[in-house]
Amino acid sequence: MGKTTIKQGQTWWDVGVELTGAWEAGVDLALALGASMTEPPPRTTVATQQTYNKPMERYCHAEGVSPATLNDNTGIHWQIFAPSFNTIFR
């Protein structure tokens, strides 16, 4: 439970982990904002009152966990959907 500002390079999953300690929160946040999970989230402030994983949430807040995997340069492709999927189902 809390509030955070979405940072450059974050995916919805990253935002969910930062805010609640659980990637599932990213899905719910995107749905609540009417956004697509396959697009980068807008740089805005989001909040949730729902608890997903309280121990992980406490850890993420205490340690300042703020993942940003969208601009990952490791060569590993984290995106689940190909661009053609995004074009058809946008």
N, C-alpha and C. Protein backbone atom coordinates (compact mmCIF):
# COMPACT_ATOMS: atom_id res chain seq x y z
N MET A 1 0.85 -1.17 0.00
CA MET A 1 0.00 0.00 0.00
C MET A 1 0.90 1.23 0.00
N GLY A 2 0.57 2.17 -0.83
CA GLY A 2 1.36 3.37 -0.88
C GLY A 2 1.21 4.11 -2.18
N LYS A 3 2.21 4.97 -2.43
CA LYS A 3 2.18 5.82 -3.60
C LYS A 3 3.60 5.94 -4.14
N THR A 4 3.74 5.99 -5.45
CA THR A 4 5.05 6.16 -6.07
C THR A 4 4.88 6.90 -7.39
N THR A 5 5.96 7.49 -7.83
CA THR A 5 5.99 8.13 -9.13
C THR A 5 6.70 7.19 -10.10
N ILE A 6 6.07 6.91 -11.22
CA ILE A 6 6.65 6.02 -12.22
C ILE A 6 7.87 6.72 -12.83
N LYS A 7 8.97 5.97 -12.88
CA LYS A 7 10.22 6.52 -13.38
C LYS A 7 10.49 6.05 -14.80
N GLN A 8 11.34 6.80 -15.49
CA GLN A 8 11.73 6.41 -16.84
C GLN A 8 12.37 5.03 -16.80
N GLY A 9 12.00 4.19 -17.76
CA GLY A 9 12.57 2.85 -17.85
C GLY A 9 11.81 1.79 -17.08
N GLN A 10 10.76 2.18 -16.36
CA GLN A 10 9.99 1.19 -15.62
C GLN A 10 8.86 0.61 -16.47
N THR A 11 8.62 -0.67 -16.26
CA THR A 11 7.46 -1.34 -16.84
C THR A 11 6.37 -1.37 -15.78
N TRP A 12 5.19 -1.81 -16.17
CA TRP A 12 4.12 -1.95 -15.17
C TRP A 12 4.52 -2.95 -14.10
N TRP A 13 5.25 -3.98 -14.48
CA TRP A 13 5.69 -4.98 -13.51
C TRP A 13 6.66 -4.37 -12.51
N ASP A 14 7.58 -3.53 -13.00
CA ASP A 14 8.52 -2.84 -12.12
C ASP A 14 7.79 -1.97 -11.11
N VAL A 15 6.79 -1.24 -11.59
CA VAL A 15 6.01 -0.35 -10.72
C VAL A 15 5.30 -1.17 -9.65
N GLY A 16 4.73 -2.30 -10.04
CA GLY A 16 4.06 -3.17 -9.07
C GLY A 16 5.00 -3.64 -7.98
N VAL A 17 6.20 -4.04 -8.37
CA VAL A 17 7.19 -4.51 -7.38
C VAL A 17 7.61 -3.36 -6.46
N GLU A 18 7.90 -2.21 -7.03
CA GLU A 18 8.31 -1.07 -6.21
C GLU A 18 7.23 -0.67 -5.22
N LEU A 19 6.00 -0.64 -5.67
CA LEU A 19 4.90 -0.14 -4.85
C LEU A 19 4.40 -1.15 -3.82
N THR A 20 4.31 -2.42 -4.23
CA THR A 20 3.67 -3.41 -3.35
C THR A 20 4.51 -4.67 -3.10
N GLY A 21 5.65 -4.78 -3.81
CA GLY A 21 6.45 -5.99 -3.66
C GLY A 21 5.96 -7.13 -4.52
N ALA A 22 5.00 -6.88 -5.40
CA ALA A 22 4.43 -7.94 -6.23
C ALA A 22 4.15 -7.42 -7.64
N TRP A 23 4.57 -8.18 -8.63
CA TRP A 23 4.35 -7.76 -10.02
C TRP A 23 2.88 -7.69 -10.38
N GLU A 24 2.05 -8.48 -9.70
CA GLU A 24 0.61 -8.52 -9.99
C GLU A 24 -0.02 -7.14 -9.82
N ALA A 25 0.52 -6.34 -8.94
CA ALA A 25 -0.02 -4.99 -8.73
C ALA A 25 0.11 -4.15 -10.00
N GLY A 26 1.14 -4.40 -10.80
CA GLY A 26 1.30 -3.67 -12.05
C GLY A 26 0.15 -3.91 -13.00
N VAL A 27 -0.35 -5.14 -13.02
CA VAL A 27 -1.50 -5.47 -13.87
C VAL A 27 -2.72 -4.67 -13.41
N ASP A 28 -2.97 -4.69 -12.11
CA ASP A 28 -4.14 -3.98 -11.57
C ASP A 28 -4.03 -2.47 -11.76
N LEU A 29 -2.82 -1.92 -11.59
CA LEU A 29 -2.63 -0.48 -11.78
C LEU A 29 -2.90 -0.08 -13.23
N ALA A 30 -2.37 -0.86 -14.17
CA ALA A 30 -2.59 -0.56 -15.58
C ALA A 30 -4.08 -0.62 -15.92
N LEU A 31 -4.76 -1.65 -15.45
CA LEU A 31 -6.20 -1.77 -15.70
C LEU A 31 -6.96 -0.58 -15.12
N ALA A 32 -6.59 -0.18 -13.91
CA ALA A 32 -7.28 0.94 -13.26
C ALA A 32 -7.10 2.24 -14.02
N LEU A 33 -5.96 2.38 -14.71
CA LEU A 33 -5.69 3.60 -15.48
C LEU A 33 -6.11 3.47 -16.94
N GLY A 34 -6.65 2.31 -17.31
CA GLY A 34 -7.06 2.08 -18.69
C GLY A 34 -5.88 2.00 -19.63
N ALA A 35 -4.75 1.56 -19.13
CA ALA A 35 -3.52 1.49 -19.92
C ALA A 35 -3.26 0.05 -20.38
N SER A 36 -2.45 -0.07 -21.41
CA SER A 36 -2.07 -1.37 -21.94
C SER A 36 -0.84 -1.90 -21.20
N MET A 37 -0.83 -3.17 -20.89
CA MET A 37 0.34 -3.80 -20.25
C MET A 37 1.53 -3.89 -21.20
N THR A 38 1.29 -3.78 -22.50
CA THR A 38 2.37 -3.93 -23.47
C THR A 38 3.03 -2.61 -23.82
N GLU A 39 2.55 -1.52 -23.26
CA GLU A 39 3.14 -0.21 -23.49
C GLU A 39 3.81 0.28 -22.21
N PRO A 40 4.85 1.09 -22.34
CA PRO A 40 5.46 1.67 -21.13
C PRO A 40 4.43 2.51 -20.38
N PRO A 41 4.46 2.48 -19.07
CA PRO A 41 3.51 3.29 -18.31
C PRO A 41 3.82 4.78 -18.43
N PRO A 42 2.81 5.62 -18.27
CA PRO A 42 3.06 7.07 -18.30
C PRO A 42 3.83 7.48 -17.05
N ARG A 43 4.61 8.52 -17.16
CA ARG A 43 5.36 9.00 -15.99
C ARG A 43 4.43 9.86 -15.15
N THR A 44 3.78 9.20 -14.21
CA THR A 44 2.79 9.84 -13.36
C THR A 44 2.88 9.23 -11.96
N THR A 45 2.10 9.72 -11.05
CA THR A 45 2.06 9.16 -9.70
C THR A 45 0.90 8.18 -9.62
N VAL A 46 1.17 7.01 -9.06
CA VAL A 46 0.14 5.98 -8.89
C VAL A 46 0.10 5.56 -7.43
N ALA A 47 -1.05 5.07 -7.01
CA ALA A 47 -1.23 4.63 -5.63
C ALA A 47 -2.14 3.43 -5.60
N THR A 48 -2.00 2.64 -4.56
CA THR A 48 -2.88 1.51 -4.33
C THR A 48 -3.10 1.32 -2.84
N GLN A 49 -4.25 0.82 -2.49
CA GLN A 49 -4.57 0.49 -1.10
C GLN A 49 -4.53 -1.01 -0.86
N GLN A 50 -4.29 -1.77 -1.93
CA GLN A 50 -4.33 -3.22 -1.84
C GLN A 50 -2.97 -3.78 -1.42
N THR A 51 -2.98 -4.80 -0.59
CA THR A 51 -1.76 -5.50 -0.19
C THR A 51 -1.67 -6.80 -0.97
N TYR A 52 -0.52 -7.06 -1.55
CA TYR A 52 -0.30 -8.26 -2.34
C TYR A 52 0.65 -9.21 -1.63
N ASN A 53 1.76 -8.68 -1.11
CA ASN A 53 2.79 -9.49 -0.46
C ASN A 53 3.45 -8.60 0.59
N LYS A 54 2.89 -8.58 1.79
CA LYS A 54 3.31 -7.64 2.83
C LYS A 54 4.80 -7.75 3.18
N PRO A 55 5.37 -8.94 3.36
CA PRO A 55 6.80 -8.99 3.67
C PRO A 55 7.67 -8.40 2.56
N MET A 56 7.34 -8.71 1.30
CA MET A 56 8.12 -8.19 0.18
C MET A 56 7.90 -6.68 0.04
N GLU A 57 6.69 -6.23 0.28
CA GLU A 57 6.39 -4.79 0.24
C GLU A 57 7.25 -4.04 1.25
N ARG A 58 7.31 -4.56 2.48
CA ARG A 58 8.13 -3.93 3.52
C ARG A 58 9.61 -3.90 3.11
N TYR A 59 10.09 -5.01 2.55
CA TYR A 59 11.48 -5.08 2.11
C TYR A 59 11.75 -4.06 1.01
N CYS A 60 10.89 -3.99 0.01
CA CYS A 60 11.09 -3.06 -1.11
C CYS A 60 11.11 -1.62 -0.63
N HIS A 61 10.24 -1.28 0.31
CA HIS A 61 10.20 0.08 0.83
C HIS A 61 11.43 0.36 1.68
N ALA A 62 11.82 -0.58 2.53
CA ALA A 62 12.97 -0.37 3.41
C ALA A 62 14.28 -0.26 2.63
N GLU A 63 14.41 -1.04 1.56
CA GLU A 63 15.65 -1.08 0.78
C GLU A 63 15.63 -0.16 -0.44
N GLY A 64 14.53 0.54 -0.66
CA GLY A 64 14.43 1.45 -1.80
C GLY A 64 14.46 0.73 -3.14
N VAL A 65 13.86 -0.45 -3.20
CA VAL A 65 13.83 -1.22 -4.44
C VAL A 65 13.01 -0.45 -5.48
N SER A 66 13.64 -0.18 -6.63
CA SER A 66 12.99 0.57 -7.69
C SER A 66 13.48 0.04 -9.04
N PRO A 67 13.02 -1.14 -9.45
CA PRO A 67 13.52 -1.71 -10.71
C PRO A 67 13.08 -0.92 -11.92
N ALA A 68 13.92 -0.95 -12.94
CA ALA A 68 13.60 -0.28 -14.22
C ALA A 68 14.18 -1.15 -15.33
N THR A 69 13.42 -2.15 -15.75
CA THR A 69 13.93 -3.15 -16.70
C THR A 69 13.60 -2.84 -18.15
N LEU A 70 12.88 -1.76 -18.42
CA LEU A 70 12.48 -1.46 -19.79
C LEU A 70 13.67 -1.19 -20.70
N ASN A 71 14.69 -0.52 -20.19
CA ASN A 71 15.86 -0.17 -20.98
C ASN A 71 17.05 -1.07 -20.65
N ASP A 72 16.78 -2.32 -20.41
CA ASP A 72 17.81 -3.29 -20.06
C ASP A 72 18.75 -3.50 -21.26
N ASN A 73 20.04 -3.39 -21.03
CA ASN A 73 21.02 -3.53 -22.10
C ASN A 73 21.77 -4.86 -22.06
N THR A 74 21.21 -5.86 -21.41
CA THR A 74 21.89 -7.15 -21.29
C THR A 74 21.77 -7.99 -22.55
N GLY A 75 20.88 -7.60 -23.46
CA GLY A 75 20.66 -8.40 -24.65
C GLY A 75 19.55 -9.42 -24.47
N ILE A 76 19.08 -9.57 -23.25
CA ILE A 76 17.96 -10.47 -22.97
C ILE A 76 16.68 -9.69 -23.23
N HIS A 77 15.75 -10.27 -23.96
CA HIS A 77 14.50 -9.60 -24.27
C HIS A 77 13.43 -10.03 -23.27
N TRP A 78 13.04 -9.11 -22.42
CA TRP A 78 12.07 -9.40 -21.37
C TRP A 78 10.64 -9.25 -21.87
N GLN A 79 10.44 -8.60 -23.00
CA GLN A 79 9.09 -8.36 -23.50
C GLN A 79 8.44 -9.68 -23.90
N ILE A 80 7.23 -9.88 -23.46
CA ILE A 80 6.52 -11.11 -23.74
C ILE A 80 5.88 -11.06 -25.12
N PHE A 81 5.35 -9.90 -25.49
CA PHE A 81 4.61 -9.78 -26.74
C PHE A 81 5.45 -9.11 -27.81
N ALA A 82 5.36 -9.63 -29.02
CA ALA A 82 6.08 -9.07 -30.16
C ALA A 82 5.38 -7.79 -30.62
N PRO A 83 6.09 -6.93 -31.34
CA PRO A 83 5.46 -5.70 -31.83
C PRO A 83 4.20 -5.94 -32.66
N SER A 84 4.14 -7.04 -33.41
CA SER A 84 2.94 -7.30 -34.21
C SER A 84 1.73 -7.54 -33.30
N PHE A 85 1.92 -8.17 -32.16
CA PHE A 85 0.83 -8.34 -31.19
C PHE A 85 0.33 -6.99 -30.71
N ASN A 86 1.27 -6.11 -30.37
CA ASN A 86 0.89 -4.78 -29.89
C ASN A 86 0.09 -4.03 -30.94
N THR A 87 0.47 -4.13 -32.20
CA THR A 87 -0.21 -3.43 -33.27
C THR A 87 -1.64 -3.94 -33.45
N ILE A 88 -1.81 -5.24 -33.40
CA ILE A 88 -3.13 -5.84 -33.64
C ILE A 88 -4.07 -5.60 -32.45
N PHE A 89 -3.57 -5.76 -31.23
CA PHE A 89 -4.44 -5.73 -30.05
C PHE A 89 -4.41 -4.43 -29.27
N ARG A 90 -3.82 -3.40 -29.80
CA ARG A 90 -3.73 -2.12 -29.10
C ARG A 90 -5.05 -1.49 -28.91
